[in-house]
Amino acid sequence: MSFLHLYYTIEILNQYGKHKNKPMKKLIISALLLGITGGGIYAREKVISHGYPITPVPFTSVKLTDSFWGQRLQASREVTIPLAFSKCEETGRYKNFEMAAYPSDSNKVTGYSFDDTDVYKTIEGASYLFQTYPDKRLKKYIDSVLVIVAGAQEPDGYLYTSRTMNPAHPHQWAGSRRWEKVEELSHEFYNLGHMIEGAIAHYQATGQRNFFDIAIRYADCVCREIGEGPGKLVRVPGHQIAEMALAKLYLVTGEQRYLDMAKFFLDKRGYTSRRDAYSQAHKPVVEQDEAVGHAVRAAYMYAGMADVAALTGDTAYVHAIDRIWENIVSKKLYITGGIGATSNGEAFGKNYELPNMSAYCETCAAIGNVYVNYRLFLLHGDAKYYDVLERTLYNGLISGVSLDGGKFFYPNPLESMGQHQRQPWFGCACCPSNICRFIPSVPGYIYAVKDKDVYVNLFMSNDVTLNVGGKKVSLSQTTSYPWNGDIQLRITHNSAKDFTLKIRIPGWVRNQVVPSNLYAYTDEFDPSYRVMVNGEEVHADLQDGYFSINRQ
C-alpha cells in the first residue's frame, strides 16, 4: 500500500486588520494528504450528458464533522428547524393545505401568498441534515406533512393554496384566475421554485418520491400552460427562483422541458407587461449589465441566468451574467459580501452607494449571492467566485441567525446604535425559512470535480467520497478554520490512482480583499504561502486561484 504525503502551510492575513499599533496577526494553514484505496458512495442524481462544465459534489456525498459549521448544523437541527415547523403549525401554514384539500367559500384566506414556501424550505433544510444527523422521527414527521401537502394538489398538478382553498375569494394578490397576477404578487411560480428545491433535496436525502412527484406534477402543469403555442400563456415570474429550480430539476430528471421552461422565463423577461427595473424586467436579460432592483429577486434571477449559461452554453447569457457579476463586485458589494444597499424596495442602490447604517443587506440576498457565485464557479472554474462566496458565507449570511439558531435578522446593516435586534420570527418569514434550508446545505459547497481534477474550495472538517473520472476517491479534511488556519487533507481511498488536487488559495491570502479594486488593505503586510510534500517545499504557479498538485 503506497502513500503520498503532502504537507502545505499557508501564512495568511487576519481579515480584521490592525488594532492600535499591534502588528497583523498571521494565520497558519497546513495540510496532510495520504492516498490509499477504499470505498465510497454515489449521488442519486441521474447523469446528464450536458451538465455544468464543472460537476457539483452533492451534499449526500459529504459528511460534515466540523466544529464551526457543526455547531451551526446542530443549532439548525435542534432549534431552527423545529422552530420553523412549529411556526408552520402555529401560523396556519399547514391549515392552508388542509383547507385547500377541501375548498369552500367559508375558508378564510390569510397571510401572504407565498406562505406555502415556508413549509417547502423547512423540509429542504431538514432533508440536508439527514446526511449528518439521521433522524427517523423527523423523517416520519415530514412524511405526515407531505400527506397534507399532497391533499392540496389539484388533479392537473396545480398547487397554490392561496387560490385553491377558496376559489371564489382567493388571496387578494392572486387574481381571479390562474397566472393572472403571477408577474405581480401572486407568487405562483415562486411557490413552484421553492417546492422543486425542497423536493429535490428530500428525494436526494431519502430516495423517496412522495415530495418529488408533487413537484414534478406542478412543474408539468406549468409547462403545459405557460409558453409559446396555442392555448398557452406568455408569463414570467414576478419573484424569480423558478428559473434556477427548473434547471436543477432538469439535472435530476434529464427532462429537457424543464431547462427549456427555465430559459423561457428568462428569454421573455422584458417582453411582457412587466417592464420595471425593480423586478429586473426593464430590458431583456441578455442586454443587462448592472445589478438593479429588489436584491433577492435579482440574485435568484442571476443564478438562473448562470444556470442557463452553464447548461446550454448560450454565449449571450454567459456574457450578460459576467457583466452583471462584474458590476456587483466592483461597485455594489459590501465588505461583508452583503448586497442590497437600500430598504426602499429592498434593493440595490446606485453604483458605489454602500451606506453602513442604512444598509439593507437582506439575509435572503446574501443567500442569493452565494447561489450566483457558486454557479459562476461551476461555469468558469475560477476561484474568484469562491472568494466572494466565502466572504458572504462567513460575514453577510450567518449574521442573519443567532448562534443558538433561534433568532434572526431580516436586514443586516453594517452599523447600528442598538436599534437592530434579532427576532424569533417574522410575519414575512422568508429569511428564517431560507436560513433553515441554506445552513444545512453548506457541505455541498466544499468540493467540485472536473474530469480528473478535484477542487477543494472551502475549508471545514468533513469526510467525502468523490467520483473522479469514474473512480472513487475519498478525502478526509480536518481543520479549526476560520479560528485556526491548520488544515489536514487525507486521502482515505483512491481508485482513481492519478488525479489533480486543486486547492483554492483565497484571494485575501494574496492581498486581494475582493476580486476587484472596490476594497484594498491599508497596511503594508505582504501575505505569503508555501506548499510542502513529504516535508519538502514544492512550487507551482496558481491557475485561476488554485494550487494544483498532481498525484500519479
Protein backbone atom coordinates (compact mmCIF):
# COMPACT_ATOMS: atom_id res chain seq x y z
CA MET A 1 0.00 0.00 0.00
CA SER A 2 1.51 3.30 -1.10
CA PHE A 3 1.03 6.71 0.45
CA LEU A 4 1.53 10.15 -0.97
CA HIS A 5 2.28 12.67 1.75
CA LEU A 6 1.53 16.31 1.19
CA TYR A 7 2.06 18.95 3.83
CA TYR A 8 1.50 22.56 2.97
CA THR A 9 1.48 25.72 5.02
CA ILE A 10 -0.17 28.99 4.12
CA GLU A 11 0.59 32.16 6.01
CA ILE A 12 -2.42 34.40 5.60
CA LEU A 13 -3.51 37.82 6.70
CA ASN A 14 -6.00 38.16 9.51
CA GLN A 15 -9.02 39.80 7.89
CA TYR A 16 -9.81 42.11 10.78
CA GLY A 17 -6.81 44.41 10.34
CA LYS A 18 -4.57 46.12 12.86
CA HIS A 19 -5.64 47.10 16.33
CA LYS A 20 -3.90 50.23 17.52
CA ASN A 21 -0.18 49.64 16.96
CA LYS A 22 -0.23 45.87 17.18
CA PRO A 23 1.05 44.00 14.12
CA MET A 24 -1.25 41.99 11.89
CA LYS A 25 -1.89 38.53 13.24
CA LYS A 26 -0.92 35.67 10.95
CA LEU A 27 -3.00 32.56 10.50
CA ILE A 28 -1.32 29.30 9.61
CA ILE A 29 -2.98 26.79 7.30
CA SER A 30 -1.40 23.38 6.93
CA ALA A 31 -2.50 20.14 5.30
CA LEU A 32 -1.62 16.45 5.15
CA LEU A 33 -2.59 14.27 2.22
CA LEU A 34 -2.37 10.47 2.18
CA GLY A 35 -3.56 8.27 -0.70
CA ILE A 36 -4.81 4.70 -0.19
CA THR A 37 -7.58 2.51 -1.59
CA GLY A 38 -11.10 2.40 -0.15
CA GLY A 39 -14.85 2.73 -0.73
CA GLY A 40 -17.34 5.44 -1.49
CA ILE A 41 -20.86 6.48 -2.36
CA TYR A 42 -22.52 7.93 -5.41
CA ALA A 43 -25.17 10.63 -5.65
CA ARG A 44 -28.69 9.65 -6.63
CA GLU A 45 -28.83 12.16 -9.46
CA LYS A 46 -29.23 10.88 -12.98
CA VAL A 47 -26.11 11.54 -15.04
CA ILE A 48 -26.78 14.29 -17.58
CA SER A 49 -24.60 14.46 -20.67
CA HIS A 50 -24.87 18.25 -20.85
CA GLY A 51 -24.38 19.38 -17.29
CA TYR A 52 -22.18 22.05 -15.78
CA PRO A 53 -18.62 22.33 -17.11
CA ILE A 54 -17.57 21.53 -13.52
CA THR A 55 -19.53 18.88 -11.65
CA PRO A 56 -21.03 19.76 -8.26
CA VAL A 57 -20.47 17.36 -5.39
CA PRO A 58 -23.88 16.78 -3.80
CA PHE A 59 -24.44 17.14 -0.07
CA THR A 60 -25.22 13.42 0.08
CA SER A 61 -21.53 12.69 -0.58
CA VAL A 62 -20.23 14.86 2.27
CA LYS A 63 -20.45 14.18 5.98
CA LEU A 64 -19.58 17.28 7.98
CA THR A 65 -17.55 16.83 11.18
CA ASP A 66 -16.55 20.47 11.57
CA SER A 67 -16.69 22.28 14.91
CA PHE A 68 -17.51 25.73 13.47
CA TRP A 69 -20.14 24.60 10.98
CA GLY A 70 -21.08 21.55 13.02
CA GLN A 71 -22.30 23.86 15.77
CA ARG A 72 -24.47 25.68 13.25
CA LEU A 73 -25.83 22.45 11.79
CA GLN A 74 -26.57 21.26 15.30
CA ALA A 75 -28.37 24.53 16.05
CA SER A 76 -30.35 24.07 12.84
CA ARG A 77 -31.32 20.54 13.85
CA GLU A 78 -32.12 21.29 17.48
CA VAL A 79 -33.54 24.82 17.28
CA THR A 80 -34.03 26.46 13.86
CA ILE A 81 -35.86 23.71 12.00
CA PRO A 82 -38.06 22.62 14.94
CA LEU A 83 -38.90 26.31 15.45
CA ALA A 84 -39.82 26.71 11.78
CA PHE A 85 -42.01 23.61 11.79
CA SER A 86 -43.73 24.82 14.95
CA LYS A 87 -44.33 28.21 13.33
CA CYS A 88 -45.83 26.47 10.30
CA GLU A 89 -48.28 24.84 12.67
CA GLU A 90 -48.88 27.92 14.81
CA THR A 91 -49.40 30.38 11.95
CA GLY A 92 -51.70 28.19 9.87
CA ARG A 93 -49.30 27.16 7.10
CA TYR A 94 -50.39 23.53 7.39
CA LYS A 95 -54.01 24.59 7.83
CA ASN A 96 -53.84 26.30 4.45
CA PHE A 97 -53.03 22.98 2.78
CA GLU A 98 -55.80 21.26 4.71
CA MET A 99 -58.33 23.89 3.61
CA ALA A 100 -57.09 23.65 0.00
CA ALA A 101 -57.86 19.93 0.09
CA TYR A 102 -61.47 20.84 0.87
CA PRO A 103 -62.18 24.15 -0.91
CA SER A 104 -65.02 26.23 0.45
CA ASP A 105 -66.39 29.75 0.24
CA SER A 106 -66.19 29.83 4.03
CA ASN A 107 -62.43 29.19 4.15
CA LYS A 108 -60.66 32.32 5.33
CA VAL A 109 -57.61 33.24 3.25
CA THR A 110 -54.97 34.94 5.40
CA GLY A 111 -51.23 35.57 5.47
CA TYR A 112 -49.05 36.00 2.42
CA SER A 113 -49.44 34.40 -1.00
CA PHE A 114 -46.04 32.75 -0.58
CA ASP A 115 -46.60 31.21 2.86
CA ASP A 116 -46.58 27.73 1.29
CA THR A 117 -42.87 28.14 0.66
CA ASP A 118 -42.02 28.20 4.37
CA VAL A 119 -43.16 24.59 4.54
CA TYR A 120 -41.13 23.65 1.47
CA LYS A 121 -37.99 25.43 2.64
CA THR A 122 -38.08 23.91 6.10
CA ILE A 123 -38.44 20.41 4.63
CA GLU A 124 -35.49 21.19 2.36
CA GLY A 125 -33.27 22.14 5.28
CA ALA A 126 -34.33 19.12 7.30
CA SER A 127 -33.53 16.90 4.33
CA TYR A 128 -29.99 18.27 4.06
CA LEU A 129 -29.50 17.48 7.73
CA PHE A 130 -30.30 13.80 7.26
CA GLN A 131 -26.79 13.22 5.91
CA THR A 132 -25.11 14.46 9.10
CA TYR A 133 -27.94 13.70 11.56
CA PRO A 134 -30.13 10.76 10.50
CA ASP A 135 -33.45 11.17 12.30
CA LYS A 136 -36.26 8.65 11.80
CA ARG A 137 -38.71 10.66 13.89
CA LEU A 138 -38.12 13.80 11.86
CA LYS A 139 -38.43 11.85 8.63
CA LYS A 140 -41.76 10.42 9.81
CA TYR A 141 -42.96 13.90 10.74
CA ILE A 142 -42.07 15.22 7.28
CA ASP A 143 -43.91 12.30 5.67
CA SER A 144 -47.02 13.28 7.63
CA VAL A 145 -46.68 16.89 6.46
CA LEU A 146 -46.33 15.74 2.87
CA VAL A 147 -49.62 13.86 3.12
CA ILE A 148 -51.25 17.20 3.92
CA VAL A 149 -49.39 18.93 1.07
CA ALA A 150 -50.37 16.23 -1.43
CA GLY A 151 -54.02 16.59 -0.44
CA ALA A 152 -53.98 20.23 -1.57
CA GLN A 153 -52.78 19.45 -5.09
CA GLU A 154 -55.38 19.77 -7.83
CA PRO A 155 -55.84 16.88 -10.32
CA ASP A 156 -53.77 18.59 -13.04
CA GLY A 157 -50.88 19.31 -10.67
CA TYR A 158 -51.60 22.94 -9.76
CA LEU A 159 -50.80 23.60 -6.10
CA TYR A 160 -51.34 27.07 -4.72
CA THR A 161 -53.31 27.17 -1.50
CA SER A 162 -53.94 30.92 -1.65
CA ARG A 163 -56.35 30.26 -4.54
CA THR A 164 -57.43 26.68 -4.10
CA MET A 165 -58.72 26.92 -0.51
CA ASN A 166 -61.36 29.42 -1.61
CA PRO A 167 -61.55 29.72 -5.42
CA ALA A 168 -64.40 32.22 -5.27
CA HIS A 169 -62.49 34.54 -2.93
CA PRO A 170 -58.76 33.82 -3.29
CA HIS A 171 -55.91 35.80 -1.78
CA GLN A 172 -56.08 39.48 -2.73
CA TRP A 173 -52.75 39.14 -4.55
CA ALA A 174 -53.79 36.07 -6.52
CA GLY A 175 -56.08 37.45 -9.19
CA SER A 176 -59.34 35.93 -10.35
CA ARG A 177 -57.77 33.08 -12.32
CA ARG A 178 -54.51 31.18 -12.58
CA TRP A 179 -51.41 33.12 -13.58
CA GLU A 180 -53.37 36.40 -13.86
CA LYS A 181 -51.16 38.13 -11.29
CA VAL A 182 -48.09 35.91 -11.46
CA GLU A 183 -45.97 38.79 -12.75
CA GLU A 184 -47.08 40.89 -9.81
CA LEU A 185 -47.71 39.42 -6.35
CA SER A 186 -49.39 36.03 -6.70
CA HIS A 187 -46.03 34.20 -6.35
CA GLU A 188 -47.37 31.07 -8.08
CA PHE A 189 -44.07 30.49 -9.88
CA TYR A 190 -42.12 31.45 -6.76
CA ASN A 191 -44.01 28.77 -4.83
CA LEU A 192 -43.17 26.29 -7.58
CA GLY A 193 -39.47 27.16 -7.36
CA HIS A 194 -39.21 26.55 -3.64
CA MET A 195 -41.31 23.42 -3.95
CA ILE A 196 -38.88 21.99 -6.51
CA GLU A 197 -35.81 22.92 -4.46
CA GLY A 198 -37.27 21.28 -1.35
CA ALA A 199 -38.49 18.21 -3.20
CA ILE A 200 -35.12 17.55 -4.82
CA ALA A 201 -33.30 17.81 -1.50
CA HIS A 202 -35.82 15.44 0.10
CA TYR A 203 -35.50 12.97 -2.78
CA GLN A 204 -31.72 13.03 -2.67
CA ALA A 205 -31.63 12.57 1.09
CA THR A 206 -34.27 9.85 1.40
CA GLY A 207 -34.73 8.26 -2.02
CA GLN A 208 -38.48 8.75 -1.56
CA ARG A 209 -40.62 10.28 -4.28
CA ASN A 210 -43.57 11.45 -2.16
CA PHE A 211 -42.47 15.10 -2.35
CA PHE A 212 -40.61 14.80 -5.64
CA ASP A 213 -43.69 13.62 -7.53
CA ILE A 214 -45.76 16.51 -6.14
CA ALA A 215 -43.19 18.96 -7.51
CA ILE A 216 -42.99 17.21 -10.87
CA ARG A 217 -46.78 17.35 -11.27
CA TYR A 218 -46.80 21.10 -10.56
CA ALA A 219 -43.83 21.68 -12.87
CA ASP A 220 -45.58 19.74 -15.64
CA CYS A 221 -48.72 21.81 -15.08
CA VAL A 222 -46.70 24.98 -15.62
CA CYS A 223 -45.01 23.53 -18.70
CA ARG A 224 -48.42 22.68 -20.20
CA GLU A 225 -49.99 26.07 -19.53
CA ILE A 226 -47.10 28.52 -19.94
CA GLY A 227 -45.07 29.07 -23.09
CA GLU A 228 -45.40 29.65 -26.81
CA GLY A 229 -48.16 27.94 -28.72
CA PRO A 230 -51.93 27.57 -28.92
CA GLY A 231 -53.72 27.77 -25.60
CA LYS A 232 -50.60 28.77 -23.66
CA LEU A 233 -49.89 31.99 -21.81
CA VAL A 234 -46.68 34.00 -22.01
CA ARG A 235 -45.83 34.87 -18.42
CA VAL A 236 -42.64 35.42 -16.41
CA PRO A 237 -42.18 35.13 -12.63
CA GLY A 238 -42.91 38.23 -10.59
CA HIS A 239 -40.48 36.93 -7.98
CA GLN A 240 -37.74 34.82 -9.51
CA ILE A 241 -36.49 31.44 -8.31
CA ALA A 242 -38.37 29.05 -10.58
CA GLU A 243 -35.62 29.54 -13.17
CA MET A 244 -32.84 28.04 -11.04
CA ALA A 245 -35.17 25.39 -9.60
CA LEU A 246 -36.28 24.18 -13.03
CA ALA A 247 -32.64 23.99 -14.13
CA LYS A 248 -31.95 21.80 -11.11
CA LEU A 249 -34.98 19.63 -11.92
CA TYR A 250 -33.55 19.15 -15.41
CA LEU A 251 -30.26 17.97 -13.93
CA VAL A 252 -32.00 15.45 -11.68
CA THR A 253 -34.51 14.08 -14.21
CA GLY A 254 -32.81 14.64 -17.55
CA GLU A 255 -36.06 16.08 -18.91
CA GLN A 256 -35.24 18.86 -21.37
CA ARG A 257 -38.61 20.59 -20.95
CA TYR A 258 -37.63 21.84 -17.51
CA LEU A 259 -34.47 23.55 -18.76
CA ASP A 260 -36.46 24.92 -21.70
CA MET A 261 -39.01 26.41 -19.31
CA ALA A 262 -36.26 27.97 -17.19
CA LYS A 263 -34.82 29.59 -20.30
CA PHE A 264 -38.27 30.65 -21.48
CA PHE A 265 -38.88 32.52 -18.23
CA LEU A 266 -35.61 34.38 -18.76
CA ASP A 267 -35.93 34.89 -22.52
CA LYS A 268 -39.34 36.53 -22.15
CA ARG A 269 -38.38 38.85 -19.33
CA GLY A 270 -38.64 42.42 -20.58
CA TYR A 271 -41.11 41.45 -23.30
CA THR A 272 -44.29 41.04 -21.24
CA SER A 273 -46.40 43.63 -19.44
CA ARG A 274 -43.87 43.72 -16.56
CA ARG A 275 -41.01 46.01 -17.60
CA ASP A 276 -39.66 47.68 -14.48
CA ALA A 277 -36.15 47.71 -13.04
CA TYR A 278 -37.45 46.70 -9.60
CA SER A 279 -38.14 43.23 -10.99
CA GLN A 280 -35.20 43.22 -13.44
CA ALA A 281 -37.61 43.43 -16.39
CA HIS A 282 -36.53 46.86 -17.66
CA LYS A 283 -34.74 45.24 -20.60
CA PRO A 284 -34.13 41.70 -21.92
CA VAL A 285 -31.85 39.81 -19.56
CA VAL A 286 -29.12 39.27 -22.16
CA GLU A 287 -28.86 43.06 -22.57
CA GLN A 288 -28.48 43.78 -18.86
CA ASP A 289 -25.14 44.87 -17.41
CA GLU A 290 -25.99 46.28 -13.98
CA ALA A 291 -27.49 44.77 -10.83
CA VAL A 292 -30.72 46.64 -10.17
CA GLY A 293 -33.96 46.39 -8.25
CA HIS A 294 -35.04 44.05 -5.48
CA ALA A 295 -31.82 42.33 -4.46
CA VAL A 296 -33.29 38.90 -3.69
CA ARG A 297 -35.28 38.71 -6.90
CA ALA A 298 -32.21 39.88 -8.76
CA ALA A 299 -29.84 37.36 -7.19
CA TYR A 300 -32.23 34.48 -7.85
CA MET A 301 -32.58 35.58 -11.46
CA TYR A 302 -28.83 35.96 -11.89
CA ALA A 303 -28.38 32.45 -10.50
CA GLY A 304 -30.89 31.21 -13.07
CA MET A 305 -29.02 33.05 -15.82
CA ALA A 306 -25.78 31.41 -14.72
CA ASP A 307 -27.55 28.04 -14.80
CA VAL A 308 -28.78 28.61 -18.34
CA ALA A 309 -25.37 29.91 -19.40
CA ALA A 310 -23.61 26.86 -17.97
CA LEU A 311 -26.12 24.22 -19.07
CA THR A 312 -26.80 25.50 -22.59
CA GLY A 313 -23.54 27.25 -23.48
CA ASP A 314 -25.56 30.22 -24.75
CA THR A 315 -22.85 32.87 -25.14
CA ALA A 316 -25.31 35.76 -24.80
CA TYR A 317 -26.19 34.50 -21.33
CA VAL A 318 -22.54 33.92 -20.45
CA HIS A 319 -21.60 37.48 -21.41
CA ALA A 320 -24.63 39.00 -19.67
CA ILE A 321 -24.13 37.28 -16.32
CA ASP A 322 -20.41 38.03 -16.44
CA ARG A 323 -21.18 41.74 -16.94
CA ILE A 324 -23.69 41.80 -14.09
CA TRP A 325 -21.29 39.97 -11.74
CA GLU A 326 -18.53 42.44 -12.59
CA ASN A 327 -20.86 45.32 -11.75
CA ILE A 328 -21.70 43.79 -8.37
CA VAL A 329 -18.15 43.01 -7.22
CA SER A 330 -16.69 46.27 -8.45
CA LYS A 331 -19.46 48.71 -7.45
CA LYS A 332 -22.25 47.18 -5.34
CA LEU A 333 -20.75 44.66 -2.91
CA TYR A 334 -20.42 45.31 0.81
CA ILE A 335 -17.22 44.33 2.61
CA THR A 336 -19.33 41.63 4.30
CA GLY A 337 -20.35 40.16 0.96
CA GLY A 338 -23.85 41.52 1.50
CA ILE A 339 -25.86 43.01 -1.34
CA GLY A 340 -28.79 45.43 -1.38
CA ALA A 341 -28.00 48.94 -0.19
CA THR A 342 -31.43 50.36 0.48
CA SER A 343 -34.60 49.46 2.36
CA ASN A 344 -36.55 51.29 -0.35
CA GLY A 345 -37.58 48.24 -2.33
CA GLU A 346 -35.06 46.01 -0.51
CA ALA A 347 -32.93 46.89 -3.48
CA PHE A 348 -29.54 47.54 -4.98
CA GLY A 349 -28.56 51.18 -4.89
CA LYS A 350 -26.66 53.17 -7.46
CA ASN A 351 -23.05 52.36 -8.27
CA TYR A 352 -20.90 52.84 -5.15
CA GLU A 353 -23.96 53.56 -3.00
CA LEU A 354 -22.92 51.47 0.02
CA PRO A 355 -24.03 53.17 3.26
CA ASN A 356 -23.36 51.43 6.56
CA MET A 357 -26.15 52.27 9.00
CA SER A 358 -28.92 52.29 6.41
CA ALA A 359 -27.59 49.24 4.58
CA TYR A 360 -30.31 46.65 4.00
CA CYS A 361 -28.26 43.56 3.09
CA GLU A 362 -31.18 41.17 3.46
CA THR A 363 -30.28 37.68 4.66
CA CYS A 364 -32.08 36.19 1.66
CA ALA A 365 -29.99 38.38 -0.65
CA ALA A 366 -26.77 37.05 0.89
CA ILE A 367 -28.01 33.52 0.26
CA GLY A 368 -28.80 34.52 -3.31
CA ASN A 369 -25.29 35.94 -3.69
CA VAL A 370 -23.87 32.55 -2.70
CA TYR A 371 -26.06 30.87 -5.32
CA VAL A 372 -24.85 33.21 -8.06
CA ASN A 373 -21.16 32.84 -7.30
CA TYR A 374 -21.39 29.07 -6.89
CA ARG A 375 -22.93 28.69 -10.32
CA LEU A 376 -20.41 31.01 -11.92
CA PHE A 377 -17.65 28.86 -10.46
CA LEU A 378 -19.29 25.78 -11.99
CA LEU A 379 -19.32 27.64 -15.30
CA HIS A 380 -15.85 29.20 -15.29
CA GLY A 381 -13.79 27.31 -12.69
CA ASP A 382 -12.22 30.45 -11.24
CA ALA A 383 -11.51 30.76 -7.50
CA LYS A 384 -12.56 34.43 -7.53
CA TYR A 385 -16.19 33.37 -7.33
CA TYR A 386 -15.47 31.40 -4.18
CA ASP A 387 -13.64 34.41 -2.76
CA VAL A 388 -16.94 36.28 -2.90
CA LEU A 389 -18.91 33.22 -1.79
CA GLU A 390 -16.72 32.63 1.27
CA ARG A 391 -16.77 36.28 2.32
CA THR A 392 -20.56 36.30 2.05
CA LEU A 393 -20.90 32.97 3.83
CA TYR A 394 -18.87 33.93 6.90
CA ASN A 395 -19.99 37.55 7.18
CA GLY A 396 -23.12 38.61 5.32
CA LEU A 397 -25.07 35.37 5.68
CA ILE A 398 -24.58 33.71 9.06
CA SER A 399 -25.06 37.11 10.70
CA GLY A 400 -28.71 36.53 9.83
CA VAL A 401 -29.13 33.89 12.55
CA SER A 402 -28.06 33.77 16.21
CA LEU A 403 -25.57 31.17 17.40
CA ASP A 404 -28.33 29.24 19.13
CA GLY A 405 -30.34 29.15 15.91
CA GLY A 406 -33.43 30.75 17.42
CA LYS A 407 -33.36 34.42 16.38
CA PHE A 408 -32.96 36.10 13.01
CA PHE A 409 -32.06 39.28 11.22
CA TYR A 410 -34.02 40.26 8.12
CA PRO A 411 -31.68 43.15 7.15
CA ASN A 412 -28.01 43.06 8.20
CA PRO A 413 -26.72 46.66 8.40
CA LEU A 414 -23.03 47.30 8.99
CA GLU A 415 -23.63 49.91 11.68
CA SER A 416 -26.20 50.24 14.45
CA MET A 417 -26.94 52.29 17.53
CA GLY A 418 -28.72 49.36 19.12
CA GLN A 419 -31.91 49.68 17.10
CA HIS A 420 -31.38 46.31 15.38
CA GLN A 421 -32.17 43.17 17.32
CA ARG A 422 -32.63 39.62 16.06
CA GLN A 423 -36.21 38.40 16.23
CA PRO A 424 -37.57 34.88 16.80
CA TRP A 425 -39.73 35.06 13.66
CA PHE A 426 -41.32 37.46 11.18
CA GLY A 427 -44.77 37.69 9.62
CA CYS A 428 -42.96 37.60 6.28
CA ALA A 429 -40.77 34.65 7.21
CA CYS A 430 -38.68 34.36 4.05
CA CYS A 431 -35.37 34.94 5.86
CA PRO A 432 -35.80 32.48 8.77
CA SER A 433 -37.06 29.73 6.47
CA ASN A 434 -34.27 30.49 3.99
CA ILE A 435 -31.75 30.09 6.81
CA CYS A 436 -33.48 26.77 7.57
CA ARG A 437 -32.73 25.49 4.10
CA PHE A 438 -29.34 27.06 3.49
CA ILE A 439 -27.21 26.36 6.57
CA PRO A 440 -27.63 22.56 6.35
CA SER A 441 -26.73 22.68 2.63
CA VAL A 442 -23.22 24.04 3.27
CA PRO A 443 -21.48 20.63 2.92
CA GLY A 444 -22.43 20.63 -0.76
CA TYR A 445 -20.26 23.69 -1.44
CA ILE A 446 -16.89 22.33 -0.29
CA TYR A 447 -15.76 20.29 -3.30
CA ALA A 448 -16.24 20.01 -7.04
CA VAL A 449 -14.87 17.72 -9.75
CA LYS A 450 -13.98 18.10 -13.41
CA ASP A 451 -12.65 15.03 -15.19
CA LYS A 452 -9.61 14.15 -13.02
CA ASP A 453 -9.46 17.49 -11.23
CA VAL A 454 -10.65 17.68 -7.62
CA TYR A 455 -11.40 21.20 -6.37
CA VAL A 456 -11.06 21.96 -2.66
CA ASN A 457 -12.99 25.22 -2.35
CA LEU A 458 -13.89 25.61 1.32
CA PHE A 459 -12.02 24.61 4.45
CA MET A 460 -14.05 22.73 7.05
CA SER A 461 -13.75 19.29 8.65
CA ASN A 462 -15.56 16.60 6.70
CA ASP A 463 -15.39 13.21 5.05
CA VAL A 464 -16.30 12.91 1.37
CA THR A 465 -16.32 10.33 -1.39
CA LEU A 466 -15.96 11.68 -4.93
CA ASN A 467 -16.41 10.28 -8.42
CA VAL A 468 -13.18 11.18 -10.23
CA GLY A 469 -13.03 10.00 -13.82
CA GLY A 470 -15.43 7.18 -13.00
CA LYS A 471 -13.37 6.09 -9.98
CA LYS A 472 -13.89 6.63 -6.28
CA VAL A 473 -11.70 8.94 -4.23
CA SER A 474 -12.39 9.52 -0.54
CA LEU A 475 -10.99 12.52 1.33
CA SER A 476 -10.95 13.49 4.97
CA GLN A 477 -10.43 17.15 5.88
CA THR A 478 -9.67 18.28 9.43
CA THR A 479 -9.46 21.92 10.49
CA SER A 480 -10.49 24.54 13.01
CA TYR A 481 -10.85 27.13 10.25
CA PRO A 482 -11.58 30.03 10.45
CA TRP A 483 -10.33 30.33 14.04
CA ASN A 484 -7.18 28.35 13.28
CA GLY A 485 -5.61 28.01 9.85
CA ASP A 486 -4.37 24.44 10.38
CA ILE A 487 -5.88 22.13 7.75
CA GLN A 488 -5.29 18.44 7.17
CA LEU A 489 -6.40 16.70 3.99
CA ARG A 490 -6.14 12.95 3.94
CA ILE A 491 -6.97 10.60 1.07
CA THR A 492 -8.54 7.57 2.69
CA HIS A 493 -9.48 5.74 -0.51
CA ASN A 494 -8.21 6.12 -4.05
CA SER A 495 -9.33 4.08 -7.02
CA ALA A 496 -8.52 6.87 -9.48
CA LYS A 497 -4.74 6.47 -8.96
CA ASP A 498 -3.86 9.66 -10.81
CA PHE A 499 -5.74 12.92 -10.37
CA THR A 500 -5.04 16.59 -9.70
CA LEU A 501 -5.88 18.18 -6.39
CA LYS A 502 -6.70 21.85 -6.96
CA ILE A 503 -6.55 23.72 -3.66
CA ARG A 504 -8.08 27.17 -3.59
CA ILE A 505 -5.68 29.84 -2.34
CA PRO A 506 -8.10 32.54 -1.18
CA GLY A 507 -7.76 35.97 -2.73
CA TRP A 508 -7.27 37.59 0.64
CA VAL A 509 -4.21 35.36 1.18
CA ARG A 510 -2.89 37.04 -1.95
CA ASN A 511 -3.66 40.50 -0.55
CA GLN A 512 -6.86 40.92 -2.58
CA VAL A 513 -9.92 41.73 -0.49
CA VAL A 514 -12.41 41.03 -3.28
CA PRO A 515 -11.84 40.31 -6.97
CA SER A 516 -11.98 43.99 -7.94
CA ASN A 517 -10.50 47.30 -6.84
CA LEU A 518 -13.54 48.16 -4.70
CA TYR A 519 -11.62 47.50 -1.46
CA ALA A 520 -7.94 47.36 -0.53
CA TYR A 521 -5.91 46.61 2.60
CA THR A 522 -4.29 49.72 4.05
CA ASP A 523 -1.45 48.00 5.92
CA GLU A 524 1.82 47.06 4.29
CA PHE A 525 1.71 43.40 5.24
CA ASP A 526 2.53 41.10 2.34
CA PRO A 527 0.97 37.67 2.96
CA SER A 528 2.61 34.55 1.58
CA TYR A 529 2.07 30.81 1.47
CA ARG A 530 4.08 27.68 0.90
CA VAL A 531 3.32 24.09 -0.02
CA MET A 532 5.33 21.08 1.13
CA VAL A 533 5.08 17.46 0.01
CA ASN A 534 6.69 14.88 2.29
CA GLY A 535 8.13 17.78 4.24
CA GLU A 536 9.75 19.29 1.16
CA GLU A 537 8.55 22.56 -0.25
CA VAL A 538 7.11 22.47 -3.76
CA HIS A 539 6.19 25.28 -6.11
CA ALA A 540 3.60 25.84 -8.78
CA ASP A 541 2.08 28.83 -10.48
CA LEU A 542 -1.50 29.45 -9.44
CA GLN A 543 -4.04 28.85 -12.17
CA ASP A 544 -7.32 30.73 -11.70
CA GLY A 545 -6.55 30.95 -7.99
CA TYR A 546 -5.77 27.25 -7.47
CA PHE A 547 -2.56 25.49 -6.44
CA SER A 548 -2.52 22.24 -8.41
CA ILE A 549 -0.90 19.08 -7.07
CA ASN A 550 -0.72 16.19 -9.47
CA ARG A 551 -1.00 12.78 -7.86
CA GLN A 552 0.29 9.93 -10.02
